[in-house]
Amino acid sequence: APAAAVRELREETGILAGGRLIDMQHREGFPILGPWRRRYAPGVRWNVEHWYRLALPTRRLVRLSRQEHRQACWLPFAQAHRRLSSRTNRAALDWLLSAR
């Protein structure tokens, strides 16, 4: 898996992927909405997500980056899907459900 994905997982959750992060070989593009544009370089209006997955044998302690997130919890797939606000996050979870 690309080093950036492994680094982001560690930085945002405290979870170490080792060599187990799997590239789902899928990209999802979307426009960056106005309120979020300040996080990007001037003039950037489009983002592309690269999807990865990591199967954990047990629940892990998640240590959130305070700059990135406010809270986390482990949920069953259906309940997690209902709580997602991002279209691309819902699509990624749908893909994971269909691949099971």
Protein backbone atom coordinates (compact mmCIF):
# COMPACT_ATOMS: atom_id res chain seq x y z
CA ALA A 1 0.00 0.00 0.00
CA PRO A 2 1.26 3.49 -0.64
CA ALA A 3 3.14 5.01 2.26
CA ALA A 4 0.69 7.93 2.44
CA ALA A 5 -2.26 5.61 3.18
CA VAL A 6 -0.32 3.75 5.90
CA ARG A 7 0.81 7.07 7.41
CA GLU A 8 -2.72 8.54 7.36
CA LEU A 9 -4.15 5.46 9.07
CA ARG A 10 -1.52 5.71 11.82
CA GLU A 11 -1.79 9.50 12.20
CA GLU A 12 -5.59 9.63 12.29
CA THR A 13 -6.37 6.45 14.27
CA GLY A 14 -3.17 5.21 15.88
CA ILE A 15 -3.64 1.87 14.08
CA LEU A 16 -0.52 0.34 12.53
CA ALA A 17 -1.33 -1.40 9.24
CA GLY A 18 1.94 -3.21 8.77
CA GLY A 19 1.72 -4.90 5.38
CA ARG A 20 -2.00 -5.65 5.71
CA LEU A 21 -3.48 -2.53 4.13
CA ILE A 22 -5.16 -3.61 0.89
CA ASP A 23 -5.59 -1.31 -2.10
CA MET A 24 -9.17 -1.74 -3.30
CA GLN A 25 -8.11 -0.49 -6.76
CA HIS A 26 -10.90 2.08 -6.78
CA ARG A 27 -10.87 5.85 -7.05
CA GLU A 28 -13.77 8.17 -6.36
CA GLY A 29 -13.74 11.82 -7.44
CA PHE A 30 -15.88 14.59 -6.03
CA PRO A 31 -16.04 18.40 -5.95
CA ILE A 32 -14.73 20.06 -2.80
CA LEU A 33 -17.57 22.00 -1.21
CA GLY A 34 -17.04 25.62 -0.28
CA PRO A 35 -16.64 25.22 3.50
CA TRP A 36 -13.83 22.68 3.02
CA ARG A 37 -11.84 24.50 0.33
CA ARG A 38 -9.71 26.37 2.87
CA ARG A 39 -8.00 23.04 3.65
CA TYR A 40 -6.68 22.85 0.08
CA ALA A 41 -4.32 24.91 -2.04
CA PRO A 42 -5.85 27.98 -3.71
CA GLY A 43 -7.82 27.05 -6.81
CA VAL A 44 -8.22 23.35 -5.94
CA ARG A 45 -11.86 22.44 -6.47
CA TRP A 46 -11.77 18.64 -7.03
CA ASN A 47 -10.58 15.74 -4.88
CA VAL A 48 -9.96 12.07 -5.58
CA GLU A 49 -10.19 9.43 -2.86
CA HIS A 50 -8.18 6.22 -3.12
CA TRP A 51 -9.89 3.35 -1.30
CA TYR A 52 -8.06 0.94 1.02
CA ARG A 53 -9.23 -1.64 3.51
CA LEU A 54 -7.76 -3.26 6.56
CA ALA A 55 -9.20 -6.35 8.21
CA LEU A 56 -8.48 -6.40 11.93
CA PRO A 57 -8.71 -9.71 13.80
CA THR A 58 -10.06 -7.92 16.90
CA ARG A 59 -11.22 -4.47 17.92
CA ARG A 60 -8.41 -2.03 18.45
CA LEU A 61 -8.01 1.03 20.57
CA VAL A 62 -8.44 4.02 18.28
CA ARG A 63 -6.47 7.15 19.15
CA LEU A 64 -8.00 9.94 17.10
CA SER A 65 -6.08 12.87 15.74
CA ARG A 66 -7.66 15.88 17.45
CA GLN A 67 -7.02 17.93 14.30
CA GLU A 68 -8.97 15.46 12.13
CA HIS A 69 -11.77 13.91 14.23
CA ARG A 70 -13.96 14.43 17.27
CA GLN A 71 -15.15 10.90 18.06
CA ALA A 72 -15.07 7.27 16.95
CA CYS A 73 -16.98 4.09 17.70
CA TRP A 74 -17.19 0.55 16.36
CA LEU A 75 -20.55 -0.14 14.68
CA PRO A 76 -22.21 -2.94 12.70
CA PHE A 77 -22.09 -2.24 8.94
CA ALA A 78 -25.77 -1.26 8.60
CA GLN A 79 -25.65 1.16 11.51
CA ALA A 80 -22.38 2.70 10.28
CA HIS A 81 -23.89 3.14 6.81
CA ARG A 82 -26.85 5.08 8.21
CA ARG A 83 -24.54 7.46 10.10
CA LEU A 84 -22.22 8.30 7.21
CA SER A 85 -22.69 11.76 5.73
CA SER A 86 -20.24 11.34 2.84
CA ARG A 87 -21.55 9.85 -0.41
CA THR A 88 -18.12 8.36 -1.14
CA ASN A 89 -17.83 6.85 2.34
CA ARG A 90 -21.24 5.18 1.89
CA ALA A 91 -20.13 3.86 -1.52
CA ALA A 92 -16.95 2.41 0.01
CA LEU A 93 -18.95 0.66 2.73
CA ASP A 94 -21.39 -0.67 0.09
CA TRP A 95 -18.41 -2.07 -1.81
CA LEU A 96 -17.09 -3.76 1.33
CA LEU A 97 -20.51 -5.29 2.05
CA SER A 98 -20.75 -6.71 -1.48
CA ALA A 99 -17.22 -8.16 -1.28
CA ARG A 100 -17.88 -10.10 1.94
